[in-house]
């Protein structure tokens, strides 16, 4: 990423259900620099517009996730991208559980298997009505869309940039788990390439918050604050409140791992964790115990310099929440 003839700026915008995350990256011959960022609550379009006022760039890369999006990994005979797109007109309905007339669809070749004359491709589909609603939110805030990605793929992009395979001790097969407010994005990778499974799990940070609210008989806002900034004497009760939620999430992850391992010669060796929901007290260790696998927080800013004009300590304390926005900004 350091052979640029001229500087380039790119903006990644991750609009979640509870927070807005902006990352503005500058690409130059010196490398990649975080030149600006924003992390704040996301109550509606007006908040997005206000947050955007500090940015002097309105061309953004955005992402979508949830039940209106689908990613399928499929082995096809070796062919060109143009041939693949033609083939999908006849083959896609086998893999997409929506009517093809209802979706916008794209495909990307992930890796070749020349020994078997095959290639692994990712077929991505998003419901048109959902996508139109999403775009309308950004247009109301005066943004122009450069490209639209999927949360899971943006997460993979950020991780592979931060932990390039030639400089990493990561296992052959591993998982990325990003725990947001409403969804947890789970990806299983082989040698850094998504393989067989990417899914959104409907168990995430808000589920923990609701359990804390019930346990302490407080409202959701107070429970969210307690989850993020727990008082020392209440930590054990907070952990106990989240045990059933964590158990449910671990169960969904285990089902995904079992499916992957039934289809592959590899087993998942490690989980790399990100997202605000994964900062729940005791989350990492409890998940590791439930699944019997190593769980580690990863650093999305590992290979990115931070501008001297920014508060580096503040950014690093929030970096786990910026993974998807960074993955989007790393796209040209």
Protein backbone atom coordinates (compact mmCIF):
# COMPACT_ATOMS: atom_id res chain seq x y z
CA UNK A 1 0.00 0.00 0.00
CA UNK A 2 2.92 2.39 -0.27
CA UNK A 3 3.55 2.85 -4.01
CA UNK A 4 1.23 5.77 -4.74
CA UNK A 5 2.09 8.29 -7.47
CA UNK A 6 -0.07 10.88 -5.75
CA UNK A 7 -1.91 11.20 -2.46
CA UNK A 8 -5.43 9.80 -2.25
CA UNK A 9 -8.14 10.28 0.37
CA UNK A 10 -10.88 7.75 1.08
CA UNK A 11 -13.79 7.85 3.53
CA UNK A 12 -15.36 4.78 5.11
CA UNK A 13 -18.72 5.28 6.82
CA UNK A 14 -20.20 2.61 9.09
CA UNK A 15 -23.74 3.54 10.13
CA UNK A 16 -24.82 1.08 12.81
CA UNK A 17 -28.05 0.96 14.77
CA UNK A 18 -26.48 2.63 17.80
CA UNK A 19 -23.37 4.44 16.52
CA UNK A 20 -21.90 6.27 13.54
CA UNK A 21 -18.27 5.54 12.68
CA UNK A 22 -16.28 7.56 10.12
CA UNK A 23 -12.68 6.88 9.14
CA UNK A 24 -10.86 9.09 6.64
CA UNK A 25 -7.63 7.61 5.34
CA UNK A 26 -4.85 9.28 3.42
CA UNK A 27 -2.82 7.07 1.07
CA UNK A 28 0.65 8.30 0.10
CA UNK A 29 4.13 6.98 -0.63
CA UNK A 30 4.75 7.04 3.14
CA UNK A 31 1.92 4.58 3.72
CA UNK A 32 -1.63 4.87 5.07
CA UNK A 33 -2.61 7.48 7.65
CA UNK A 34 -5.80 7.97 9.62
CA UNK A 35 -6.35 11.69 8.98
CA UNK A 36 -9.74 11.99 10.71
CA UNK A 37 -12.36 9.90 12.45
CA UNK A 38 -15.71 10.23 14.20
CA UNK A 39 -17.49 7.95 16.65
CA UNK A 40 -20.85 8.99 18.03
CA UNK A 41 -24.47 7.96 18.63
CA UNK A 42 -26.72 7.29 15.65
CA UNK A 43 -30.31 8.23 16.53
CA UNK A 44 -31.27 9.22 12.96
CA UNK A 45 -30.44 10.99 9.67
CA UNK A 46 -29.99 14.37 11.35
CA UNK A 47 -27.23 13.00 13.57
CA UNK A 48 -25.52 11.63 10.47
CA UNK A 49 -25.69 15.04 8.82
CA UNK A 50 -24.29 16.79 11.90
CA UNK A 51 -21.48 14.29 12.25
CA UNK A 52 -20.59 14.73 8.59
CA UNK A 53 -20.10 18.48 8.92
CA UNK A 54 -16.57 18.02 10.24
CA UNK A 55 -15.60 15.99 7.15
CA UNK A 56 -14.51 17.84 4.02
CA UNK A 57 -15.13 14.74 1.91
CA UNK A 58 -18.65 13.62 1.03
CA UNK A 59 -17.84 10.71 -1.29
CA UNK A 60 -18.10 7.68 0.98
CA UNK A 61 -17.80 3.91 0.96
CA UNK A 62 -20.66 2.33 2.91
CA UNK A 63 -21.75 -1.17 3.91
CA UNK A 64 -24.93 -3.11 4.65
CA UNK A 65 -25.71 -6.20 6.73
CA UNK A 66 -28.59 -8.15 8.20
CA UNK A 67 -31.32 -10.45 6.84
CA UNK A 68 -31.66 -8.49 3.58
CA UNK A 69 -28.09 -9.40 2.60
CA UNK A 70 -26.72 -12.75 1.49
CA UNK A 71 -23.18 -14.04 0.90
CA UNK A 72 -22.64 -17.46 -0.60
CA UNK A 73 -19.27 -19.11 -1.31
CA UNK A 74 -19.38 -21.43 -4.32
CA UNK A 75 -16.83 -23.42 -6.34
CA UNK A 76 -17.18 -22.83 -10.08
CA UNK A 77 -15.24 -24.23 -13.03
CA UNK A 78 -12.33 -21.96 -13.95
CA UNK A 79 -13.54 -19.11 -16.18
CA UNK A 80 -13.11 -15.38 -16.72
CA UNK A 81 -15.08 -12.82 -14.73
CA UNK A 82 -17.19 -11.98 -17.79
CA UNK A 83 -17.99 -15.66 -18.32
CA UNK A 84 -18.82 -15.99 -14.63
CA UNK A 85 -21.30 -13.11 -14.77
CA UNK A 86 -23.04 -14.71 -17.74
CA UNK A 87 -23.16 -18.08 -15.96
CA UNK A 88 -24.71 -16.50 -12.88
CA UNK A 89 -27.77 -15.45 -14.86
CA UNK A 90 -28.65 -19.14 -14.95
CA UNK A 91 -26.99 -20.42 -11.76
CA UNK A 92 -27.55 -17.73 -9.11
CA UNK A 93 -31.07 -18.76 -8.12
CA UNK A 94 -29.63 -22.03 -6.74
CA UNK A 95 -27.77 -20.03 -4.08
CA UNK A 96 -29.87 -16.90 -3.42
CA UNK A 97 -33.04 -17.43 -1.31
CA UNK A 98 -34.72 -14.34 -2.79
CA UNK A 99 -36.20 -13.75 -6.22
CA UNK A 100 -33.40 -12.45 -8.43
CA UNK A 101 -35.72 -9.63 -9.53
CA UNK A 102 -35.75 -8.41 -5.90
CA UNK A 103 -31.98 -8.09 -5.44
CA UNK A 104 -28.88 -6.31 -6.58
CA UNK A 105 -26.19 -8.95 -7.06
CA UNK A 106 -22.45 -9.06 -7.62
CA UNK A 107 -19.76 -11.72 -7.66
CA UNK A 108 -16.03 -11.76 -6.92
CA UNK A 109 -13.42 -14.43 -7.62
CA UNK A 110 -11.64 -15.19 -4.33
CA UNK A 111 -9.05 -17.80 -5.28
CA UNK A 112 -8.13 -20.30 -7.96
CA UNK A 113 -7.64 -24.03 -7.59
CA UNK A 114 -5.68 -24.84 -10.77
CA UNK A 115 -5.16 -28.50 -9.78
CA UNK A 116 -8.93 -29.08 -10.04
CA UNK A 117 -9.55 -26.37 -12.67
CA UNK A 118 -11.91 -24.64 -10.23
CA UNK A 119 -12.21 -21.30 -8.47
CA UNK A 120 -13.90 -20.13 -5.28
CA UNK A 121 -16.28 -17.21 -5.78
CA UNK A 122 -18.39 -15.10 -3.44
CA UNK A 123 -21.90 -14.33 -4.62
CA UNK A 124 -23.34 -11.29 -2.84
CA UNK A 125 -26.97 -10.16 -3.01
CA UNK A 126 -28.85 -7.33 -1.29
CA UNK A 127 -32.59 -6.72 -1.46
CA UNK A 128 -33.29 -3.69 -3.64
CA UNK A 129 -35.88 -2.09 -1.34
CA UNK A 130 -33.57 -2.34 1.67
CA UNK A 131 -30.66 -0.90 -0.30
CA UNK A 132 -32.77 1.97 -1.62
CA UNK A 133 -33.81 2.90 1.93
CA UNK A 134 -30.21 2.81 3.06
CA UNK A 135 -29.00 5.01 0.21
CA UNK A 136 -31.77 7.51 0.91
CA UNK A 137 -30.44 8.02 4.46
CA UNK A 138 -26.99 8.95 3.15
CA UNK A 139 -28.31 11.14 0.37
CA UNK A 140 -30.37 13.08 2.93
CA UNK A 141 -27.06 13.86 4.67
CA UNK A 142 -25.58 15.11 1.35
CA UNK A 143 -23.33 12.09 0.84
CA UNK A 144 -22.50 10.59 -2.52
CA UNK A 145 -21.87 6.85 -2.53
CA UNK A 146 -18.60 5.65 -4.03
CA UNK A 147 -19.22 1.93 -3.41
CA UNK A 148 -21.39 -0.36 -1.31
CA UNK A 149 -19.86 -3.31 0.53
CA UNK A 150 -21.05 -5.91 3.04
CA UNK A 151 -20.07 -5.48 6.71
CA UNK A 152 -18.49 -8.93 6.81
CA UNK A 153 -16.30 -8.33 3.76
CA UNK A 154 -15.23 -4.89 5.00
CA UNK A 155 -14.20 -6.56 8.25
CA UNK A 156 -12.10 -9.12 6.35
CA UNK A 157 -10.49 -6.30 4.37
CA UNK A 158 -9.49 -4.45 7.55
CA UNK A 159 -8.11 -7.58 9.20
CA UNK A 160 -6.02 -8.68 6.22
CA UNK A 161 -4.52 -5.20 5.96
CA UNK A 162 -3.67 -5.13 9.66
CA UNK A 163 -2.40 -8.72 9.79
CA UNK A 164 -0.93 -9.60 6.38
CA UNK A 165 -0.42 -13.34 6.09
CA UNK A 166 3.34 -13.09 5.47
CA UNK A 167 3.85 -11.27 8.78
CA UNK A 168 1.33 -13.15 10.91
CA UNK A 169 1.35 -16.20 13.15
CA UNK A 170 -2.39 -16.65 12.68
CA UNK A 171 -3.58 -20.26 12.15
CA UNK A 172 -4.53 -21.57 8.70
CA UNK A 173 -8.25 -21.42 9.55
CA UNK A 174 -9.63 -18.79 11.90
CA UNK A 175 -12.74 -16.73 12.54
CA UNK A 176 -13.46 -13.02 12.70
CA UNK A 177 -16.25 -12.07 15.09
CA UNK A 178 -17.46 -8.47 15.12
CA UNK A 179 -20.07 -7.89 17.84
CA UNK A 180 -22.17 -4.83 17.07
CA UNK A 181 -25.35 -3.56 18.70
CA UNK A 182 -27.91 -5.60 16.73
CA UNK A 183 -25.88 -8.17 14.80
CA UNK A 184 -22.68 -10.14 15.27
CA UNK A 185 -20.79 -10.68 12.01
CA UNK A 186 -19.03 -14.05 11.83
CA UNK A 187 -16.55 -14.95 9.09
CA UNK A 188 -14.44 -18.07 8.74
CA UNK A 189 -11.23 -17.62 6.74
CA UNK A 190 -8.60 -19.94 5.32
CA UNK A 191 -5.22 -18.30 4.73
CA UNK A 192 -6.93 -14.93 4.94
CA UNK A 193 -9.60 -15.73 2.33
CA UNK A 194 -13.30 -16.03 3.28
CA UNK A 195 -14.22 -19.68 2.89
CA UNK A 196 -17.61 -21.38 3.05
CA UNK A 197 -19.24 -19.21 5.71
CA UNK A 198 -20.07 -15.59 6.50
CA UNK A 199 -23.19 -14.89 8.51
CA UNK A 200 -24.93 -12.32 10.67
CA UNK A 201 -26.08 -13.63 14.06
CA UNK A 202 -29.04 -11.93 15.75
CA UNK A 203 -27.33 -11.93 19.15
CA UNK A 204 -25.22 -8.88 19.93
CA UNK A 205 -24.56 -5.98 22.29
CA UNK A 206 -28.16 -4.88 22.79
CA UNK A 207 -29.07 -8.36 24.09
CA UNK A 208 -26.48 -7.95 26.84
CA UNK A 209 -27.80 -4.48 27.64
CA UNK A 210 -31.38 -5.73 28.01
CA UNK A 211 -30.23 -8.45 30.43
CA UNK A 212 -28.32 -5.89 32.50
CA UNK A 213 -31.38 -3.64 32.56
CA UNK A 214 -33.51 -6.52 33.86
CA UNK A 215 -30.91 -7.59 36.43
CA UNK A 216 -30.45 -4.10 37.91
CA UNK A 217 -34.05 -2.89 37.30
CA UNK A 218 -32.84 0.13 35.30
CA UNK A 219 -33.70 1.53 31.88
CA UNK A 220 -31.85 0.64 28.68
CA UNK A 221 -29.78 3.85 28.55
CA UNK A 222 -28.52 3.40 32.12
CA UNK A 223 -27.80 -0.28 31.46
CA UNK A 224 -25.78 0.61 28.35
CA UNK A 225 -23.69 3.05 30.37
CA UNK A 226 -23.15 0.43 33.08
CA UNK A 227 -22.07 -2.12 30.45
CA UNK A 228 -19.55 0.28 28.90
CA UNK A 229 -18.27 1.77 32.17
CA UNK A 230 -18.94 -0.88 34.84
CA UNK A 231 -18.50 -0.05 38.50
CA UNK A 232 -16.01 -2.43 40.07
CA UNK A 233 -18.40 -3.78 42.69
CA UNK A 234 -21.03 -4.54 40.03
CA UNK A 235 -18.86 -6.34 37.48
CA UNK A 236 -19.62 -9.85 38.72
CA UNK A 237 -23.38 -9.23 38.60
CA UNK A 238 -23.02 -7.74 35.11
CA UNK A 239 -21.16 -10.84 33.94
CA UNK A 240 -23.82 -13.11 35.45
CA UNK A 241 -26.57 -11.09 33.73
CA UNK A 242 -24.98 -11.73 30.35
CA UNK A 243 -24.32 -15.46 30.78
CA UNK A 244 -27.43 -16.69 28.95
CA UNK A 245 -26.84 -14.28 26.06
CA UNK A 246 -23.22 -15.33 25.76
CA UNK A 247 -24.20 -18.98 25.89
CA UNK A 248 -26.66 -18.42 23.04
CA UNK A 249 -24.05 -16.62 20.95
CA UNK A 250 -21.49 -19.36 21.61
CA UNK A 251 -24.07 -21.94 20.52
CA UNK A 252 -24.61 -20.15 17.18
CA UNK A 253 -20.87 -19.90 16.64
CA UNK A 254 -20.39 -23.60 17.43
CA UNK A 255 -23.07 -24.56 14.87
CA UNK A 256 -21.20 -22.47 12.28
CA UNK A 257 -17.88 -24.07 13.17
CA UNK A 258 -19.38 -27.56 12.99
CA UNK A 259 -20.76 -26.85 9.51
CA UNK A 260 -17.42 -25.46 8.33
CA UNK A 261 -15.45 -28.35 9.76
CA UNK A 262 -17.83 -30.89 8.16
CA UNK A 263 -17.09 -29.32 4.76
CA UNK A 264 -13.37 -28.67 5.19
CA UNK A 265 -10.21 -30.53 6.10
CA UNK A 266 -9.35 -27.77 8.59
CA UNK A 267 -10.72 -26.80 11.99
CA UNK A 268 -11.05 -23.24 13.29
CA UNK A 269 -7.96 -22.48 15.35
CA UNK A 270 -8.73 -19.05 16.78
CA UNK A 271 -11.30 -16.24 16.99
CA UNK A 272 -10.25 -12.64 16.41
CA UNK A 273 -12.70 -10.33 18.16
CA UNK A 274 -13.81 -6.76 17.44
CA UNK A 275 -16.84 -4.48 17.91
CA UNK A 276 -18.25 -2.58 20.87
CA UNK A 277 -20.45 -5.51 21.93
CA UNK A 278 -17.36 -7.65 22.43
CA UNK A 279 -16.12 -5.26 25.13
CA UNK A 280 -18.71 -6.59 27.57
CA UNK A 281 -16.93 -7.43 30.88
CA UNK A 282 -15.52 -10.96 30.79
CA UNK A 283 -16.72 -11.53 27.21
CA UNK A 284 -13.46 -12.74 25.68
CA UNK A 285 -12.53 -15.23 28.40
CA UNK A 286 -16.06 -16.57 28.78
CA UNK A 287 -16.41 -17.12 25.03
CA UNK A 288 -13.06 -18.90 24.95
CA UNK A 289 -14.16 -21.20 27.79
CA UNK A 290 -17.52 -21.98 26.19
CA UNK A 291 -16.02 -22.83 22.81
CA UNK A 292 -12.71 -24.30 23.95
CA UNK A 293 -10.81 -22.08 21.53
CA UNK A 294 -8.43 -19.13 21.83
CA UNK A 295 -10.10 -15.71 21.54
CA UNK A 296 -8.10 -12.54 21.00
CA UNK A 297 -8.93 -8.87 20.43
CA UNK A 298 -7.21 -7.60 17.28
CA UNK A 299 -5.96 -4.10 16.49
CA UNK A 300 -7.50 -2.55 13.34
CA UNK A 301 -4.96 0.30 13.39
CA UNK A 302 -1.92 -1.97 13.57
CA UNK A 303 -0.59 -0.97 10.12
CA UNK A 304 -2.07 2.56 9.98
CA UNK A 305 -0.36 5.72 11.20
CA UNK A 306 -2.44 8.20 13.19
CA UNK A 307 -2.24 11.85 12.18
CA UNK A 308 -0.43 14.07 14.67
CA UNK A 309 -3.52 16.31 14.69
CA UNK A 310 -5.62 13.54 16.31
CA UNK A 311 -5.82 12.26 19.89
CA UNK A 312 -4.00 8.93 19.45
CA UNK A 313 -4.94 7.57 22.89
CA UNK A 314 -8.64 8.30 22.36
CA UNK A 315 -8.59 6.61 18.97
CA UNK A 316 -6.74 3.53 20.20
CA UNK A 317 -9.24 3.10 23.05
CA UNK A 318 -12.04 3.03 20.43
CA UNK A 319 -10.23 1.23 17.62
CA UNK A 320 -12.10 -2.05 18.04
CA UNK A 321 -15.30 -0.23 17.07
CA UNK A 322 -13.74 1.23 13.92
CA UNK A 323 -12.88 -2.04 12.15
CA UNK A 324 -15.68 -1.96 9.56
CA UNK A 325 -15.26 1.77 8.83
CA UNK A 326 -11.53 1.22 8.35
CA UNK A 327 -12.16 -1.77 6.07
CA UNK A 328 -14.42 0.43 3.95
CA UNK A 329 -11.93 3.29 3.80
CA UNK A 330 -9.24 0.85 2.64
CA UNK A 331 -11.27 0.20 -0.51
CA UNK A 332 -10.28 2.41 -3.51
